């Protein structure tokens, strides 16, 4: 069963310069990616991808707060 607290998950900082150009975080539980939050410098936008149909709202909210704290908001050109 998934916990509601981000501390029970693995958080991975990720960057991509091929398909997308930017940086973000991935939230993993055991061997499964659950959430990706990404700053796309090419498109100058932010996206959230959920890889699981249903997740606790608290987990999504904490993930967004973690992203805002760890990832610079300015787009890189």
C-alpha atoms as a PDB file:
ATOM      1  CA  UNK A   1       0.000   0.000   0.000  1.00  0.00           C
ATOM      2  CA  UNK A   2       1.287   3.454  -0.866  1.00  0.00           C
ATOM      3  CA  UNK A   3       2.057   5.849   1.949  1.00  0.00           C
ATOM      4  CA  UNK A   4       0.890   9.446   1.902  1.00  0.00           C
ATOM      5  CA  UNK A   5       4.266  10.865   2.981  1.00  0.00           C
ATOM      6  CA  UNK A   6       7.055  11.683   0.528  1.00  0.00           C
ATOM      7  CA  UNK A   7       9.687  10.476   3.020  1.00  0.00           C
ATOM      8  CA  UNK A   8       8.665   6.884   2.243  1.00  0.00           C
ATOM      9  CA  UNK A   9       9.660   7.202  -1.435  1.00  0.00           C
ATOM     10  CA  UNK A  10      12.806   7.592  -3.485  1.00  0.00           C
ATOM     11  CA  UNK A  11      13.251  11.012  -5.064  1.00  0.00           C
ATOM     12  CA  UNK A  12      15.551  11.178  -8.076  1.00  0.00           C
ATOM     13  CA  UNK A  13      16.721  14.426  -9.665  1.00  0.00           C
ATOM     14  CA  UNK A  14      16.718  13.947 -13.429  1.00  0.00           C
ATOM     15  CA  UNK A  15      17.742  15.929 -16.458  1.00  0.00           C
ATOM     16  CA  UNK A  16      17.173  15.384 -20.140  1.00  0.00           C
ATOM     17  CA  UNK A  17      18.884  17.084 -23.059  1.00  0.00           C
ATOM     18  CA  UNK A  18      17.672  14.816 -25.882  1.00  0.00           C
ATOM     19  CA  UNK A  19      13.901  14.412 -26.179  1.00  0.00           C
ATOM     20  CA  UNK A  20      13.146  17.160 -23.693  1.00  0.00           C
ATOM     21  CA  UNK A  21      15.543  19.847 -22.568  1.00  0.00           C
ATOM     22  CA  UNK A  22      15.274  20.482 -18.866  1.00  0.00           C
ATOM     23  CA  UNK A  23      15.398  19.158 -15.334  1.00  0.00           C
ATOM     24  CA  UNK A  24      12.983  17.606 -12.899  1.00  0.00           C
ATOM     25  CA  UNK A  25      12.301  15.060 -10.201  1.00  0.00           C
ATOM     26  CA  UNK A  26      11.015  11.512 -10.292  1.00  0.00           C
ATOM     27  CA  UNK A  27       9.180   9.891  -7.393  1.00  0.00           C
ATOM     28  CA  UNK A  28       9.696   6.123  -7.127  1.00  0.00           C
ATOM     29  CA  UNK A  29       8.230   3.434  -4.899  1.00  0.00           C
ATOM     30  CA  UNK A  30      10.280   0.250  -4.890  1.00  0.00           C
ATOM     31  CA  UNK A  31      10.966  -0.387  -8.616  1.00  0.00           C
ATOM     32  CA  UNK A  32       8.099   1.693 -10.021  1.00  0.00           C
ATOM     33  CA  UNK A  33       8.107   5.324 -11.098  1.00  0.00           C
ATOM     34  CA  UNK A  34       4.985   7.097  -9.868  1.00  0.00           C
ATOM     35  CA  UNK A  35       5.417  10.799 -10.646  1.00  0.00           C
ATOM     36  CA  UNK A  36       7.614  12.976 -12.832  1.00  0.00           C
ATOM     37  CA  UNK A  37       7.619  16.748 -12.440  1.00  0.00           C
ATOM     38  CA  UNK A  38       9.655  18.448 -15.150  1.00  0.00           C
ATOM     39  CA  UNK A  39      10.816  21.941 -16.105  1.00  0.00           C
ATOM     40  CA  UNK A  40      11.057  21.955 -19.913  1.00  0.00           C
ATOM     41  CA  UNK A  41      13.510  24.670 -20.915  1.00  0.00           C
ATOM     42  CA  UNK A  42      12.797  24.275 -24.634  1.00  0.00           C
ATOM     43  CA  UNK A  43       9.012  24.723 -24.293  1.00  0.00           C
ATOM     44  CA  UNK A  44       9.333  26.975 -21.224  1.00  0.00           C
ATOM     45  CA  UNK A  45       6.714  25.114 -19.207  1.00  0.00           C
ATOM     46  CA  UNK A  46       6.302  22.743 -16.269  1.00  0.00           C
ATOM     47  CA  UNK A  47       4.596  19.355 -16.481  1.00  0.00           C
ATOM     48  CA  UNK A  48       3.482  16.639 -14.109  1.00  0.00           C
ATOM     49  CA  UNK A  49       3.170  13.073 -15.364  1.00  0.00           C
ATOM     50  CA  UNK A  50       1.416  10.479 -13.205  1.00  0.00           C
ATOM     51  CA  UNK A  51       2.383   6.908 -14.049  1.00  0.00           C
ATOM     52  CA  UNK A  52      -0.171   5.373 -11.678  1.00  0.00           C
ATOM     53  CA  UNK A  53      -3.917   5.884 -12.009  1.00  0.00           C
ATOM     54  CA  UNK A  54      -4.589   6.779  -8.383  1.00  0.00           C
ATOM     55  CA  UNK A  55      -2.188   8.424  -5.920  1.00  0.00           C
ATOM     56  CA  UNK A  56      -2.745  10.103  -2.541  1.00  0.00           C
ATOM     57  CA  UNK A  57      -3.254  13.849  -2.921  1.00  0.00           C
ATOM     58  CA  UNK A  58      -0.794  14.456  -0.084  1.00  0.00           C
ATOM     59  CA  UNK A  59       1.938  12.667  -2.039  1.00  0.00           C
ATOM     60  CA  UNK A  60       1.321  14.800  -5.120  1.00  0.00           C
ATOM     61  CA  UNK A  61       1.255  18.008  -3.071  1.00  0.00           C
ATOM     62  CA  UNK A  62       4.494  17.104  -1.247  1.00  0.00           C
ATOM     63  CA  UNK A  63       6.137  16.208  -4.550  1.00  0.00           C
ATOM     64  CA  UNK A  64       5.250  19.613  -5.994  1.00  0.00           C
ATOM     65  CA  UNK A  65       6.642  21.366  -2.918  1.00  0.00           C
ATOM     66  CA  UNK A  66       9.860  19.333  -3.165  1.00  0.00           C
ATOM     67  CA  UNK A  67      10.170  20.254  -6.862  1.00  0.00           C
ATOM     68  CA  UNK A  68       9.690  23.953  -6.097  1.00  0.00           C
ATOM     69  CA  UNK A  69      12.330  23.788  -3.371  1.00  0.00           C
ATOM     70  CA  UNK A  70      14.978  21.830  -5.319  1.00  0.00           C
ATOM     71  CA  UNK A  71      14.576  22.886  -8.960  1.00  0.00           C
ATOM     72  CA  UNK A  72      15.328  26.486 -10.026  1.00  0.00           C
ATOM     73  CA  UNK A  73      12.261  28.177 -11.519  1.00  0.00           C
ATOM     74  CA  UNK A  74      14.197  30.075 -14.202  1.00  0.00           C
ATOM     75  CA  UNK A  75      14.290  28.512 -17.656  1.00  0.00           C
ATOM     76  CA  UNK A  76      17.764  27.803 -19.048  1.00  0.00           C
ATOM     77  CA  UNK A  77      18.437  28.893 -22.610  1.00  0.00           C
END
